[in-house]
C-alpha atoms as a PDB file:
ATOM      1  CA  MET A   1     119.885-105.731  48.424  1.00  0.00           C
ATOM      2  CA  LYS A   2     120.580-103.640  45.346  1.00  0.00           C
ATOM      3  CA  SER A   3     123.532-101.543  46.462  1.00  0.00           C
ATOM      4  CA  THR A   4     125.926-100.547  43.804  1.00  0.00           C
ATOM      5  CA  GLU A   5     129.208-102.373  43.902  1.00  0.00           C
ATOM      6  CA  HIS A   6     130.975 -99.024  43.754  1.00  0.00           C
ATOM      7  CA  PHE A   7     129.250 -97.920  46.974  1.00  0.00           C
ATOM      8  CA  LYS A   8     130.094-101.193  48.693  1.00  0.00           C
ATOM      9  CA  ASN A   9     133.720-101.022  47.516  1.00  0.00           C
ATOM     10  CA  THR A  10     134.030 -97.408  48.702  1.00  0.00           C
ATOM     11  CA  ILE A  11     132.784 -98.299  52.197  1.00  0.00           C
ATOM     12  CA  LYS A  12     134.959-101.426  52.331  1.00  0.00           C
ATOM     13  CA  ALA A  13     138.070 -99.504  51.239  1.00  0.00           C
ATOM     14  CA  TYR A  14     137.502 -96.936  53.980  1.00  0.00           C
ATOM     15  CA  LEU A  15     136.978 -99.637  56.620  1.00  0.00           C
ATOM     16  CA  ASP A  16     140.052-101.585  55.458  1.00  0.00           C
ATOM     17  CA  LYS A  17     142.189 -98.463  55.726  1.00  0.00           C
ATOM     18  CA  ARG A  18     140.769 -97.601  59.139  1.00  0.00           C
ATOM     19  CA  ALA A  19     141.376-101.150  60.405  1.00  0.00           C
ATOM     20  CA  ASN A  20     144.939-100.932  59.118  1.00  0.00           C
ATOM     21  CA  ASP A  21     145.528 -97.593  60.900  1.00  0.00           C
ATOM     22  CA  ASP A  22     143.542 -98.262  64.118  1.00  0.00           C
ATOM     23  CA  ALA A  23     144.306-101.473  66.007  1.00  0.00           C
ATOM     24  CA  LEU A  24     141.288-101.078  68.312  1.00  0.00           C
ATOM     25  CA  PHE A  25     138.914-100.792  65.377  1.00  0.00           C
ATOM     26  CA  ALA A  26     140.614-103.757  63.683  1.00  0.00           C
ATOM     27  CA  LEU A  27     139.494-105.999  66.559  1.00  0.00           C
ATOM     28  CA  ASN A  28     135.858-105.081  65.897  1.00  0.00           C
ATOM     29  CA  TYR A  29     136.227-105.105  62.125  1.00  0.00           C
ATOM     30  CA  PHE A  30     137.352-108.705  61.951  1.00  0.00           C
ATOM     31  CA  LYS A  31     134.637-110.154  64.201  1.00  0.00           C
ATOM     32  CA  ALA A  32     133.123-113.332  62.753  1.00  0.00           C
ATOM     33  CA  ASN A  33     129.520-112.134  63.116  1.00  0.00           C
ATOM     34  CA  LYS A  34     130.093-108.921  61.108  1.00  0.00           C
ATOM     35  CA  ASN A  35     130.216-108.561  57.318  1.00  0.00           C
ATOM     36  CA  ILE A  36     130.102-105.851  54.680  1.00  0.00           C
ATOM     37  CA  ASP A  37     126.658-106.807  53.323  1.00  0.00           C
ATOM     38  CA  ASP A  38     125.033-106.414  56.739  1.00  0.00           C
ATOM     39  CA  CYS A  39     126.932-103.158  57.174  1.00  0.00           C
ATOM     40  CA  ILE A  40     125.486-101.801  53.934  1.00  0.00           C
ATOM     41  CA  THR A  41     121.981-102.925  54.987  1.00  0.00           C
ATOM     42  CA  TYR A  42     122.452-101.163  58.326  1.00  0.00           C
ATOM     43  CA  ILE A  43     123.522 -97.951  56.543  1.00  0.00           C
ATOM     44  CA  PHE A  44     120.490 -98.073  54.221  1.00  0.00           C
ATOM     45  CA  ASN A  45     118.066 -98.582  57.108  1.00  0.00           C
ATOM     46  CA  THR A  46     119.693 -95.820  59.165  1.00  0.00           C
ATOM     47  CA  VAL A  47     119.452 -93.429  56.218  1.00  0.00           C
ATOM     48  CA  GLN A  48     115.801 -94.352  55.638  1.00  0.00           C
ATOM     49  CA  LYS A  49     114.929 -93.785  59.308  1.00  0.00           C
ATOM     50  CA  SER A  50     116.574 -90.352  59.238  1.00  0.00           C
ATOM     51  CA  GLY A  51     114.332 -89.079  56.435  1.00  0.00           C
ATOM     52  CA  CYS A  52     117.245 -87.232  54.815  1.00  0.00           C
ATOM     53  CA  ASN A  53     118.331 -87.759  51.224  1.00  0.00           C
ATOM     54  CA  GLY A  54     121.936 -86.629  51.317  1.00  0.00           C
ATOM     55  CA  PHE A  55     124.845 -87.326  53.624  1.00  0.00           C
ATOM     56  CA  THR A  56     128.499 -86.402  53.712  1.00  0.00           C
ATOM     57  CA  ASP A  57     131.130 -89.085  53.337  1.00  0.00           C
ATOM     58  CA  ASP A  58     132.028 -88.803  57.023  1.00  0.00           C
ATOM     59  CA  GLU A  59     128.408 -89.341  58.096  1.00  0.00           C
ATOM     60  CA  VAL A  60     128.137 -92.525  56.037  1.00  0.00           C
ATOM     61  CA  TYR A  61     131.536 -93.760  57.202  1.00  0.00           C
ATOM     62  CA  SER A  62     130.550 -93.158  60.833  1.00  0.00           C
ATOM     63  CA  MET A  63     127.435 -95.316  60.309  1.00  0.00           C
ATOM     64  CA  ALA A  64     129.663 -98.097  58.990  1.00  0.00           C
ATOM     65  CA  VAL A  65     132.053 -97.786  61.940  1.00  0.00           C
ATOM     66  CA  HIS A  66     129.108 -97.777  64.361  1.00  0.00           C
ATOM     67  CA  TYR A  67     127.856-101.044  62.861  1.00  0.00           C
ATOM     68  CA  TYR A  68     131.217-102.711  63.555  1.00  0.00           C
ATOM     69  CA  ASP A  69     131.698-101.124  66.997  1.00  0.00           C
ATOM     70  CA  GLU A  70     128.350-102.206  68.449  1.00  0.00           C
ATOM     71  CA  ASP A  71     127.569-105.862  69.096  1.00  0.00           C
ATOM     72  CA  ASN A  72     123.811-105.471  69.518  1.00  0.00           C
ATOM     73  CA  VAL A  73     123.072-103.160  66.599  1.00  0.00           C
ATOM     74  CA  GLU A  74     119.807-103.809  64.760  1.00  0.00           C
ATOM     75  CA  ILE A  75     120.618-104.284  61.080  1.00  0.00           C
ATOM     76  CA  GLY A  76     117.077-104.013  59.711  1.00  0.00           C
ATOM     77  CA  LYS A  77     115.557-105.516  56.611  1.00  0.00           C
ATOM     78  CA  ASN A  78     117.056-105.629  53.138  1.00  0.00           C
ATOM     79  CA  LEU A  79     115.978-102.614  51.107  1.00  0.00           C
ATOM     80  CA  ASN A  80     115.702-102.196  47.378  1.00  0.00           C
ATOM     81  CA  CYS A  81     117.123 -98.733  46.845  1.00  0.00           C
ATOM     82  CA  ARG A  82     119.423 -96.724  44.672  1.00  0.00           C
ATOM     83  CA  VAL A  83     122.709 -95.259  45.856  1.00  0.00           C
ATOM     84  CA  VAL A  84     124.510 -92.324  44.288  1.00  0.00           C
ATOM     85  CA  VAL A  85     128.231 -92.116  44.968  1.00  0.00           C
ATOM     86  CA  ASN A  86     129.847 -88.781  44.273  1.00  0.00           C
ATOM     87  CA  HIS A  87     133.254 -90.156  43.381  1.00  0.00           C
ATOM     88  CA  THR A  88     134.522 -90.105  39.840  1.00  0.00           C
ATOM     89  CA  VAL A  89     134.971 -93.392  38.065  1.00  0.00           C
ATOM     90  CA  GLU A  90     137.860 -93.689  35.645  1.00  0.00           C
ATOM     91  CA  LEU A  91     137.137 -95.799  32.587  1.00  0.00           C
ATOM     92  CA  THR A  92     139.769 -97.760  30.747  1.00  0.00           C
ATOM     93  CA  ALA A  93     140.393 -97.096  27.067  1.00  0.00           C
ATOM     94  CA  GLU A  94     138.436-100.258  26.169  1.00  0.00           C
ATOM     95  CA  GLU A  95     135.468 -99.193  28.316  1.00  0.00           C
ATOM     96  CA  LYS A  96     135.471 -95.728  26.736  1.00  0.00           C
ATOM     97  CA  GLU A  97     135.533 -97.247  23.241  1.00  0.00           C
ATOM     98  CA  GLN A  98     132.701 -99.642  24.126  1.00  0.00           C
ATOM     99  CA  ALA A  99     130.625 -96.780  25.579  1.00  0.00           C
ATOM    100  CA  ARG A 100     131.219 -94.778  22.380  1.00  0.00           C
ATOM    101  CA  LYS A 101     130.124 -97.726  20.210  1.00  0.00           C
ATOM    102  CA  ASP A 102     127.034 -98.283  22.376  1.00  0.00           C
ATOM    103  CA  ALA A 103     126.064 -94.598  22.096  1.00  0.00           C
ATOM    104  CA  ILE A 104     126.477 -94.614  18.305  1.00  0.00           C
ATOM    105  CA  GLN A 105     124.403 -97.802  18.029  1.00  0.00           C
ATOM    106  CA  GLN A 106     121.653 -96.309  20.224  1.00  0.00           C
ATOM    107  CA  VAL A 107     121.450 -93.166  18.062  1.00  0.00           C
ATOM    108  CA  HIS A 108     121.416 -95.317  14.926  1.00  0.00           C
ATOM    109  CA  ASN A 109     118.522 -97.406  16.309  1.00  0.00           C
ATOM    110  CA  GLU A 110     116.532 -94.308  17.303  1.00  0.00           C
ATOM    111  CA  VAL A 111     116.912 -92.721  13.866  1.00  0.00           C
ATOM    112  CA  TYR A 112     116.040 -95.997  12.121  1.00  0.00           C
ATOM    113  CA  ASN A 113     112.905 -96.461  14.251  1.00  0.00           C
ATOM    114  CA  LYS A 114     111.847 -92.886  13.549  1.00  0.00           C
ATOM    115  CA  MET A 115     112.278 -93.425   9.805  1.00  0.00           C
ATOM    116  CA  LYS A 116     110.167 -96.596   9.896  1.00  0.00           C
ATOM    117  CA  GLN A 117     107.169 -94.787  11.336  1.00  0.00           C
ATOM    118  CA  PRO A 118     104.714 -93.577   8.695  1.00  0.00           C
ATOM    119  CA  LEU A 119     104.462 -89.883   8.149  1.00  0.00           C
ATOM    120  CA  ARG A 120     101.342 -88.386   9.606  1.00  0.00           C
ATOM    121  CA  LYS A 121      99.677 -85.589   7.741  1.00  0.00           C
ATOM    122  CA  PRO A 122      98.592 -82.789   9.986  1.00  0.00           C
ATOM    123  CA  GLN A 123      94.856 -82.779  10.593  1.00  0.00           C
ATOM    124  CA  PRO A 124      93.117 -79.638   9.362  1.00  0.00           C
ATOM    125  CA  LYS A 125      91.823 -77.538  12.162  1.00  0.00           C
ATOM    126  CA  GLN A 126      88.086 -77.691  12.465  1.00  0.00           C
ATOM    127  CA  THR A 127      86.505 -74.419  13.286  1.00  0.00           C
ATOM    128  CA  ALA A 128      83.356 -74.492  15.274  1.00  0.00           C
ATOM    129  CA  ILE A 129      80.331 -73.200  13.394  1.00  0.00           C
ATOM    130  CA  ILE A 130      78.602 -70.658  15.478  1.00  0.00           C
ATOM    131  CA  ASN A 131      74.951 -70.088  14.721  1.00  0.00           C
ATOM    132  CA  GLN A 132      74.682 -66.364  14.817  1.00  0.00           C
ATOM    133  CA  PRO A 133      71.202 -64.966  15.114  1.00  0.00           C
ATOM    134  CA  SER A 134      70.035 -62.956  12.155  1.00  0.00           C
ATOM    135  CA  LEU A 135      68.035 -59.771  12.311  1.00  0.00           C
ATOM    136  CA  PHE A 136      65.835 -60.970   9.447  1.00  0.00           C
ATOM    137  CA  ASP A 137      64.654 -64.261  10.923  1.00  0.00           C
END
């Protein structure tokens, strides 16, 4: 499964908080046959079956809770998909500096590669010669 760690951590943080606040849910959350990876797989398969591309946070969280509440839920197969999480990610000062250096290096490489390519002279436009009938032929 190719879920982003940020997505998995967001779901897990919500479930941890809910288990802390709701003793009844905590009983289901800590069952031995349940785990976060299967929960994420269940969410992906449920989303795919729905045919929709966007969900609110509460809709996704309710899928996760449903996975833990039901004992006979069908998880589905592992999917290779991409998840977009609409939460902001705060970078540390070191990460920002590294991202800046990476961006500068990428621009440098692009300019260097462009300079290495030979200059191409524009091809002269060829006009089609039209044989025009003559009155004297």
